[in-house]
């Protein structure tokens, strides 16, 4: 039951981050801007994270489901090249998945 609550919370947080990233006005000086922000913004851009991960079909799903034999060189390069905040959007327990991915990539001779 604890896992279900964790998944629900992670899903809700992901939706909130996506919604805030889509609706936050970060460019220009208009009256609707909530606070001044840098060029990069405060929140990650989830759409670019997902589009990078989708370049390799079934890469993210293979890692989530523990099908480590399906992880190829391109998958390692794309996923390990993602910024930490993007990795957190794609995977609920980013530290665990990043460690598993690094070990798998080392075993297949990528890094």
N, C-alpha and C. Protein backbone atom coordinates (compact mmCIF):
# COMPACT_ATOMS: atom_id res chain seq x y z
N UNK A 1 0.81 -1.18 0.00
CA UNK A 1 0.00 0.00 0.00
C UNK A 1 0.86 1.25 0.00
N UNK A 2 2.02 1.20 0.66
CA UNK A 2 2.92 2.34 0.69
C UNK A 2 3.44 2.70 -0.69
N UNK A 3 3.65 1.67 -1.53
CA UNK A 3 4.11 1.92 -2.89
C UNK A 3 3.05 2.64 -3.71
N UNK A 4 1.79 2.27 -3.51
CA UNK A 4 0.71 2.92 -4.25
C UNK A 4 0.60 4.40 -3.88
N UNK A 5 0.74 4.71 -2.61
CA UNK A 5 0.67 6.10 -2.18
C UNK A 5 1.84 6.88 -2.76
N UNK A 6 3.02 6.27 -2.79
CA UNK A 6 4.20 6.93 -3.34
C UNK A 6 4.01 7.20 -4.84
N UNK A 7 3.45 6.24 -5.55
CA UNK A 7 3.22 6.43 -6.99
C UNK A 7 2.18 7.53 -7.24
N UNK A 8 1.13 7.55 -6.44
CA UNK A 8 0.10 8.59 -6.60
C UNK A 8 0.71 9.96 -6.33
N UNK A 9 1.49 10.07 -5.27
CA UNK A 9 2.13 11.36 -4.95
C UNK A 9 3.09 11.79 -6.05
N UNK A 10 3.87 10.85 -6.57
CA UNK A 10 4.80 11.17 -7.66
C UNK A 10 4.05 11.60 -8.90
N UNK A 11 2.94 10.94 -9.19
CA UNK A 11 2.13 11.31 -10.37
C UNK A 11 1.54 12.71 -10.20
N UNK A 12 1.03 12.99 -9.01
CA UNK A 12 0.45 14.32 -8.76
C UNK A 12 1.51 15.40 -8.89
N UNK A 13 2.69 15.17 -8.32
CA UNK A 13 3.77 16.15 -8.42
C UNK A 13 4.21 16.35 -9.86
N UNK A 14 4.26 15.27 -10.63
CA UNK A 14 4.63 15.38 -12.04
C UNK A 14 3.63 16.24 -12.80
N UNK A 15 2.35 16.02 -12.55
CA UNK A 15 1.30 16.81 -13.21
C UNK A 15 1.42 18.28 -12.81
N UNK A 16 1.69 18.54 -11.55
CA UNK A 16 1.83 19.93 -11.09
C UNK A 16 3.02 20.60 -11.76
N UNK A 17 4.15 19.90 -11.85
CA UNK A 17 5.33 20.47 -12.49
C UNK A 17 5.06 20.75 -13.96
N UNK A 18 4.39 19.81 -14.64
CA UNK A 18 4.06 20.01 -16.06
C UNK A 18 3.15 21.22 -16.21
N UNK A 19 2.13 21.31 -15.38
CA UNK A 19 1.19 22.43 -15.49
C UNK A 19 1.89 23.76 -15.19
N UNK A 20 2.71 23.80 -14.16
CA UNK A 20 3.43 25.03 -13.85
C UNK A 20 4.41 25.42 -14.95
N UNK A 21 5.05 24.42 -15.54
CA UNK A 21 6.00 24.70 -16.62
C UNK A 21 5.29 25.23 -17.85
N UNK A 22 4.10 24.75 -18.11
CA UNK A 22 3.36 25.19 -19.28
C UNK A 22 2.74 26.57 -19.09
N UNK A 23 2.30 26.88 -17.89
CA UNK A 23 1.56 28.11 -17.66
C UNK A 23 2.38 29.25 -17.07
N UNK A 24 3.59 28.99 -16.64
CA UNK A 24 4.42 30.02 -16.04
C UNK A 24 4.94 30.95 -17.13
N UNK A 25 4.73 32.22 -16.96
CA UNK A 25 5.21 33.22 -17.91
C UNK A 25 6.61 33.63 -17.50
N UNK A 26 7.60 33.28 -18.33
CA UNK A 26 8.98 33.53 -17.93
C UNK A 26 9.71 34.53 -18.81
N UNK A 27 9.13 34.96 -19.89
CA UNK A 27 9.83 35.84 -20.82
C UNK A 27 9.16 37.21 -20.86
N UNK A 28 9.98 38.24 -21.02
CA UNK A 28 9.47 39.59 -21.22
C UNK A 28 9.05 40.29 -19.94
N UNK A 29 8.70 41.56 -20.10
CA UNK A 29 8.24 42.37 -18.98
C UNK A 29 6.79 42.73 -19.22
N UNK A 30 5.89 41.90 -18.74
CA UNK A 30 4.49 42.24 -18.84
C UNK A 30 3.87 42.19 -17.45
N UNK A 31 2.66 42.64 -17.33
CA UNK A 31 2.01 42.73 -16.03
C UNK A 31 1.62 41.36 -15.46
N UNK A 32 1.62 40.34 -16.30
CA UNK A 32 1.17 39.04 -15.85
C UNK A 32 2.30 38.20 -15.25
N UNK A 33 3.53 38.63 -15.40
CA UNK A 33 4.66 37.86 -14.86
C UNK A 33 4.59 37.88 -13.34
N UNK A 34 4.70 36.70 -12.74
CA UNK A 34 4.58 36.59 -11.29
C UNK A 34 5.84 37.10 -10.59
N UNK A 35 7.01 36.66 -11.05
CA UNK A 35 8.27 37.11 -10.47
C UNK A 35 9.31 37.15 -11.57
N UNK A 36 10.35 37.95 -11.41
CA UNK A 36 11.41 37.93 -12.41
C UNK A 36 12.14 36.59 -12.37
N UNK A 37 12.45 36.09 -13.55
CA UNK A 37 13.13 34.80 -13.64
C UNK A 37 14.28 34.90 -14.62
N UNK A 38 15.21 33.98 -14.50
CA UNK A 38 16.33 33.94 -15.43
C UNK A 38 15.87 33.44 -16.78
N UNK A 39 16.75 33.46 -17.75
CA UNK A 39 16.42 32.99 -19.09
C UNK A 39 16.01 31.52 -19.08
N UNK A 40 16.64 30.73 -18.24
CA UNK A 40 16.33 29.31 -18.19
C UNK A 40 15.05 29.03 -17.43
N UNK A 41 14.62 29.90 -16.56
CA UNK A 41 13.43 29.67 -15.75
C UNK A 41 13.77 28.85 -14.52
N UNK A 42 12.81 28.72 -13.63
CA UNK A 42 13.02 27.98 -12.40
C UNK A 42 12.66 26.51 -12.53
N UNK A 43 11.72 26.21 -13.38
CA UNK A 43 11.24 24.84 -13.52
C UNK A 43 11.81 24.20 -14.77
N UNK A 44 12.02 22.88 -14.74
CA UNK A 44 12.50 22.21 -15.95
C UNK A 44 11.41 22.20 -17.01
N UNK A 45 11.81 22.02 -18.25
CA UNK A 45 10.86 21.93 -19.34
C UNK A 45 10.55 20.46 -19.58
N UNK A 46 9.42 19.96 -19.08
CA UNK A 46 9.15 18.52 -19.18
C UNK A 46 8.97 18.05 -20.62
N UNK A 47 8.50 18.91 -21.49
CA UNK A 47 8.29 18.49 -22.88
C UNK A 47 9.63 18.16 -23.56
N UNK A 48 10.66 18.95 -23.30
CA UNK A 48 11.95 18.66 -23.92
C UNK A 48 12.57 17.41 -23.30
N UNK A 49 12.33 17.18 -22.01
CA UNK A 49 12.84 15.96 -21.37
C UNK A 49 12.22 14.72 -22.01
N UNK A 50 10.93 14.77 -22.18
CA UNK A 50 10.22 13.62 -22.75
C UNK A 50 10.60 13.43 -24.21
N UNK A 51 10.76 14.51 -24.95
CA UNK A 51 11.11 14.36 -26.36
C UNK A 51 12.52 13.77 -26.53
N UNK A 52 13.45 14.13 -25.65
CA UNK A 52 14.78 13.54 -25.71
C UNK A 52 14.72 12.04 -25.42
N UNK A 53 13.94 11.67 -24.43
CA UNK A 53 13.84 10.26 -24.04
C UNK A 53 13.12 9.43 -25.10
N UNK A 54 12.22 10.03 -25.83
CA UNK A 54 11.47 9.30 -26.86
C UNK A 54 12.25 9.08 -28.14
N UNK A 55 13.43 9.64 -28.23
CA UNK A 55 14.26 9.41 -29.42
C UNK A 55 14.63 7.94 -29.55
N UNK A 56 14.72 7.25 -28.43
CA UNK A 56 15.03 5.83 -28.42
C UNK A 56 13.77 5.09 -27.97
N UNK A 57 13.15 4.31 -28.87
CA UNK A 57 11.90 3.64 -28.49
C UNK A 57 12.11 2.63 -27.36
N UNK A 58 11.18 2.61 -26.44
CA UNK A 58 11.13 1.67 -25.31
C UNK A 58 12.31 1.77 -24.35
N UNK A 59 13.09 2.80 -24.44
CA UNK A 59 14.25 2.95 -23.56
C UNK A 59 13.83 3.18 -22.12
N UNK A 60 12.95 4.15 -21.90
CA UNK A 60 12.51 4.49 -20.56
C UNK A 60 11.73 3.33 -19.95
N UNK A 61 10.85 2.72 -20.75
CA UNK A 61 10.04 1.61 -20.25
C UNK A 61 10.91 0.41 -19.88
N UNK A 62 11.95 0.15 -20.66
CA UNK A 62 12.84 -0.97 -20.34
C UNK A 62 13.50 -0.76 -18.99
N UNK A 63 13.92 0.45 -18.70
CA UNK A 63 14.56 0.74 -17.41
C UNK A 63 13.55 0.68 -16.28
N UNK A 64 12.35 1.24 -16.49
CA UNK A 64 11.32 1.23 -15.44
C UNK A 64 10.90 -0.19 -15.09
N UNK A 65 10.83 -1.06 -16.10
CA UNK A 65 10.36 -2.43 -15.88
C UNK A 65 11.48 -3.38 -15.52
N UNK A 66 12.71 -2.89 -15.48
CA UNK A 66 13.84 -3.72 -15.08
C UNK A 66 14.34 -4.65 -16.17
N UNK A 67 13.99 -4.37 -17.42
CA UNK A 67 14.47 -5.17 -18.55
C UNK A 67 15.82 -4.63 -19.00
N UNK A 68 16.82 -4.90 -18.18
CA UNK A 68 18.13 -4.30 -18.40
C UNK A 68 18.81 -4.83 -19.66
N UNK A 69 18.45 -6.01 -20.11
CA UNK A 69 19.05 -6.55 -21.34
C UNK A 69 18.58 -5.79 -22.58
N UNK A 70 17.47 -5.05 -22.47
CA UNK A 70 16.96 -4.27 -23.60
C UNK A 70 17.59 -2.88 -23.69
N UNK A 71 18.42 -2.53 -22.73
CA UNK A 71 19.06 -1.21 -22.73
C UNK A 71 20.28 -1.26 -23.64
N UNK A 72 20.30 -0.38 -24.62
CA UNK A 72 21.37 -0.32 -25.62
C UNK A 72 22.23 0.93 -25.41
N UNK A 73 23.24 1.04 -26.24
CA UNK A 73 24.20 2.15 -26.16
C UNK A 73 23.50 3.51 -26.28
N UNK A 74 22.60 3.63 -27.25
CA UNK A 74 21.91 4.90 -27.47
C UNK A 74 21.09 5.30 -26.24
N UNK A 75 20.49 4.30 -25.61
CA UNK A 75 19.68 4.55 -24.42
C UNK A 75 20.57 5.11 -23.30
N UNK A 76 21.72 4.52 -23.11
CA UNK A 76 22.64 4.99 -22.07
C UNK A 76 23.07 6.43 -22.34
N UNK A 77 23.42 6.71 -23.57
CA UNK A 77 23.92 8.05 -23.91
C UNK A 77 22.83 9.09 -23.70
N UNK A 78 21.62 8.81 -24.18
CA UNK A 78 20.53 9.78 -24.07
C UNK A 78 20.13 9.98 -22.60
N UNK A 79 19.88 8.90 -21.87
CA UNK A 79 19.38 9.03 -20.50
C UNK A 79 20.42 9.58 -19.54
N UNK A 80 21.65 9.16 -19.67
CA UNK A 80 22.68 9.68 -18.76
C UNK A 80 23.07 11.11 -19.12
N UNK A 81 22.74 11.55 -20.32
CA UNK A 81 23.00 12.92 -20.72
C UNK A 81 21.93 13.90 -20.27
N UNK A 82 20.81 13.38 -19.75
CA UNK A 82 19.73 14.25 -19.29
C UNK A 82 20.13 14.96 -18.00
N UNK A 83 19.70 16.20 -17.82
CA UNK A 83 19.93 16.88 -16.55
C UNK A 83 19.19 16.16 -15.41
N UNK A 84 19.62 16.40 -14.20
CA UNK A 84 19.03 15.71 -13.04
C UNK A 84 17.54 15.98 -12.91
N UNK A 85 17.09 17.22 -13.18
CA UNK A 85 15.67 17.51 -13.05
C UNK A 85 14.84 16.77 -14.10
N UNK A 86 15.38 16.59 -15.31
CA UNK A 86 14.67 15.82 -16.33
C UNK A 86 14.59 14.35 -15.93
N UNK A 87 15.65 13.84 -15.37
CA UNK A 87 15.67 12.44 -14.94
C UNK A 87 14.61 12.22 -13.86
N UNK A 88 14.44 13.21 -13.01
CA UNK A 88 13.42 13.13 -11.97
C UNK A 88 12.01 13.16 -12.52
N UNK A 89 11.80 13.80 -13.66
CA UNK A 89 10.48 13.82 -14.28
C UNK A 89 10.15 12.45 -14.87
N UNK A 90 11.13 11.82 -15.47
CA UNK A 90 10.90 10.53 -16.13
C UNK A 90 10.81 9.37 -15.15
N UNK A 91 11.53 9.44 -14.05
CA UNK A 91 11.60 8.33 -13.11
C UNK A 91 11.27 8.82 -11.70
N UNK A 92 10.35 8.13 -11.01
CA UNK A 92 9.94 8.59 -9.68
C UNK A 92 11.05 8.53 -8.64
N UNK A 93 11.90 7.53 -8.72
CA UNK A 93 13.03 7.43 -7.77
C UNK A 93 14.30 7.61 -8.58
N UNK A 94 14.62 8.85 -8.91
CA UNK A 94 15.68 9.13 -9.87
C UNK A 94 17.05 8.61 -9.43
N UNK A 95 17.36 8.66 -8.15
CA UNK A 95 18.66 8.20 -7.69
C UNK A 95 18.82 6.71 -7.97
N UNK A 96 17.81 5.94 -7.62
CA UNK A 96 17.84 4.48 -7.83
C UNK A 96 18.00 4.15 -9.32
N UNK A 97 17.18 4.76 -10.15
CA UNK A 97 17.22 4.45 -11.58
C UNK A 97 18.53 4.92 -12.22
N UNK A 98 19.05 6.05 -11.78
CA UNK A 98 20.31 6.54 -12.34
C UNK A 98 21.46 5.58 -11.99
N UNK A 99 21.48 5.08 -10.75
CA UNK A 99 22.53 4.14 -10.34
C UNK A 99 22.41 2.84 -11.14
N UNK A 100 21.20 2.32 -11.27
CA UNK A 100 20.98 1.09 -12.04
C UNK A 100 21.40 1.29 -13.49
N UNK A 101 21.07 2.43 -14.06
CA UNK A 101 21.44 2.71 -15.45
C UNK A 101 22.96 2.82 -15.60
N UNK A 102 23.62 3.50 -14.68
CA UNK A 102 25.08 3.62 -14.76
C UNK A 102 25.76 2.26 -14.67
N UNK A 103 25.29 1.42 -13.76
CA UNK A 103 25.87 0.08 -13.62
C UNK A 103 25.63 -0.74 -14.88
N UNK A 104 24.42 -0.68 -15.41
CA UNK A 104 24.09 -1.42 -16.63
C UNK A 104 24.94 -0.94 -17.80
N UNK A 105 25.10 0.35 -17.94
CA UNK A 105 25.89 0.90 -19.03
C UNK A 105 27.37 0.51 -18.89
N UNK A 106 27.87 0.46 -17.66
CA UNK A 106 29.26 0.00 -17.45
C UNK A 106 29.41 -1.46 -17.83
N UNK A 107 28.41 -2.27 -17.49
CA UNK A 107 28.48 -3.69 -17.79
C UNK A 107 28.46 -3.98 -19.29
N UNK A 108 27.75 -3.14 -20.06
CA UNK A 108 27.73 -3.35 -21.50
C UNK A 108 28.86 -2.59 -22.20
N UNK A 109 29.69 -1.92 -21.42
CA UNK A 109 30.88 -1.28 -21.95
C UNK A 109 30.72 0.11 -22.52
N UNK A 110 29.72 0.84 -22.04
CA UNK A 110 29.49 2.19 -22.55
C UNK A 110 30.33 3.21 -21.78
N UNK A 111 30.28 3.17 -20.47
CA UNK A 111 30.99 4.17 -19.66
C UNK A 111 31.95 3.51 -18.74
